[in-house]
Amino acid sequence: MNRPAILIYAVRPDNIVLKEILAGIEEEGVLCQVVMRQDDTMQNLSIDAAGDSALGSGIGILENTAALSIRFQTVQEPMFQITSSSANKARILGANAARAVKKIPFQW
């Protein structure tokens, strides 16, 4: 990856969840990169993605569960987590990953 971007580490991602997360990030005008992983835990995926992202914002997706972590957060748990194929929740999670980078209030 040459440009700063939100990293998304995914293991067998649900198509709806992934598509909507990408749409939420795109709507906020921030770059992202999806990296497929073989196997990992939900917590590791998002925290590792945040740590590896030049922007400090990372998302982990494990099947139909997705989580957002921010580098340097005080707890070692995701800031936001969703468990469903809800397009709306997934889009908001993606938007919030971008909003964290832009330092503007989260959507709820």
Protein backbone atom coordinates (compact mmCIF):
# COMPACT_ATOMS: atom_id res chain seq x y z
CA MET A 1 0.00 0.00 0.00
CA ASN A 2 1.56 3.28 -1.09
CA ARG A 3 -1.14 5.69 0.09
CA PRO A 4 -2.54 6.16 3.60
CA ALA A 5 -5.78 4.22 3.89
CA ILE A 6 -8.16 2.58 6.32
CA LEU A 7 -7.23 -1.10 6.45
CA ILE A 8 -9.89 -3.78 6.43
CA TYR A 9 -8.72 -7.25 7.47
CA ALA A 10 -11.31 -9.85 6.49
CA VAL A 11 -11.90 -13.57 6.96
CA ARG A 12 -14.73 -15.01 4.83
CA PRO A 13 -16.58 -11.65 4.78
CA ASP A 14 -20.31 -11.49 4.19
CA ASN A 15 -20.76 -9.76 0.83
CA ILE A 16 -23.40 -7.32 2.09
CA VAL A 17 -21.35 -6.32 5.12
CA LEU A 18 -18.19 -5.75 3.08
CA LYS A 19 -19.98 -3.87 0.28
CA GLU A 20 -21.75 -1.52 2.70
CA ILE A 21 -18.65 -0.85 4.80
CA LEU A 22 -16.80 0.12 1.63
CA ALA A 23 -19.71 2.37 0.60
CA GLY A 24 -19.69 4.12 3.99
CA ILE A 25 -15.96 4.81 3.75
CA GLU A 26 -16.27 6.00 0.15
CA GLU A 27 -19.10 8.39 1.03
CA GLU A 28 -16.76 10.07 3.51
CA GLY A 29 -14.02 10.41 0.87
CA VAL A 30 -11.32 8.33 2.56
CA LEU A 31 -9.24 5.61 0.90
CA CYS A 32 -9.35 2.02 2.08
CA GLN A 33 -7.73 -1.31 1.33
CA VAL A 34 -9.16 -4.80 1.92
CA VAL A 35 -6.74 -7.55 2.92
CA MET A 36 -8.04 -11.12 3.05
CA ARG A 37 -6.74 -13.24 5.91
CA GLN A 38 -6.92 -17.00 6.35
CA ASP A 39 -8.04 -17.13 9.98
CA ASP A 40 -8.04 -14.87 13.02
CA THR A 41 -10.26 -13.63 15.85
CA MET A 42 -12.61 -10.69 15.48
CA GLN A 43 -10.70 -8.65 18.06
CA ASN A 44 -7.31 -9.30 16.43
CA LEU A 45 -8.56 -8.41 12.97
CA SER A 46 -9.73 -4.89 13.86
CA ILE A 47 -6.93 -4.06 16.30
CA ASP A 48 -4.24 -5.32 13.91
CA ALA A 49 -5.82 -3.38 11.02
CA ALA A 50 -5.83 -0.18 13.08
CA GLY A 51 -2.23 -0.71 14.14
CA ASP A 52 -1.08 -1.38 10.59
CA SER A 53 -3.04 1.47 8.98
CA ALA A 54 -1.10 4.68 8.34
CA LEU A 55 -4.32 6.50 9.25
CA GLY A 56 -4.78 4.57 12.50
CA SER A 57 -8.29 3.36 11.65
CA GLY A 58 -8.95 -0.32 11.01
CA ILE A 59 -11.88 -2.64 10.47
CA GLY A 60 -12.01 -6.38 11.00
CA ILE A 61 -14.63 -8.54 9.33
CA LEU A 62 -15.23 -12.16 10.30
CA GLU A 63 -18.12 -13.54 8.24
CA ASN A 64 -21.11 -11.32 9.18
CA THR A 65 -19.45 -9.64 12.18
CA ALA A 66 -17.49 -6.41 11.75
CA ALA A 67 -15.63 -4.21 14.20
CA LEU A 68 -13.90 -0.84 14.12
CA SER A 69 -10.75 -0.09 16.11
CA ILE A 70 -8.63 3.03 16.32
CA ARG A 71 -4.89 2.94 17.00
CA PHE A 72 -4.01 4.20 20.47
CA GLN A 73 -7.48 3.64 21.90
CA THR A 74 -7.27 3.02 25.63
CA VAL A 75 -8.95 -0.40 25.69
CA GLN A 76 -8.04 -3.44 23.64
CA GLU A 77 -11.58 -3.94 22.37
CA PRO A 78 -13.21 -2.57 19.23
CA MET A 79 -14.89 0.84 19.49
CA PHE A 80 -17.88 -0.35 17.47
CA GLN A 81 -19.01 -3.85 16.59
CA ILE A 82 -21.93 -5.14 14.54
CA THR A 83 -23.19 -8.67 14.09
CA SER A 84 -25.63 -8.93 11.22
CA SER A 85 -25.99 -8.50 7.52
CA SER A 86 -27.72 -5.17 8.08
CA ALA A 87 -26.72 -2.88 5.24
CA ASN A 88 -27.44 0.26 7.27
CA LYS A 89 -25.33 -0.77 10.29
CA ALA A 90 -22.43 -1.83 8.08
CA ARG A 91 -22.52 1.44 6.14
CA ILE A 92 -22.48 3.45 9.37
CA LEU A 93 -19.52 1.41 10.66
CA GLY A 94 -17.59 2.21 7.48
CA ALA A 95 -18.51 5.88 7.68
CA ASN A 96 -17.39 6.00 11.31
CA ALA A 97 -14.00 4.52 10.40
CA ALA A 98 -13.55 7.41 7.97
CA ARG A 99 -14.95 9.96 10.42
CA ALA A 100 -12.37 8.87 13.00
CA VAL A 101 -9.65 9.71 10.47
CA LYS A 102 -11.27 13.05 9.66
CA LYS A 103 -11.79 13.76 13.39
CA ILE A 104 -15.48 14.56 13.02
CA PRO A 105 -18.39 13.20 15.13
CA PHE A 106 -19.52 9.64 14.60
CA GLN A 107 -22.86 8.68 13.09
CA TRP A 108 -25.27 6.72 15.26
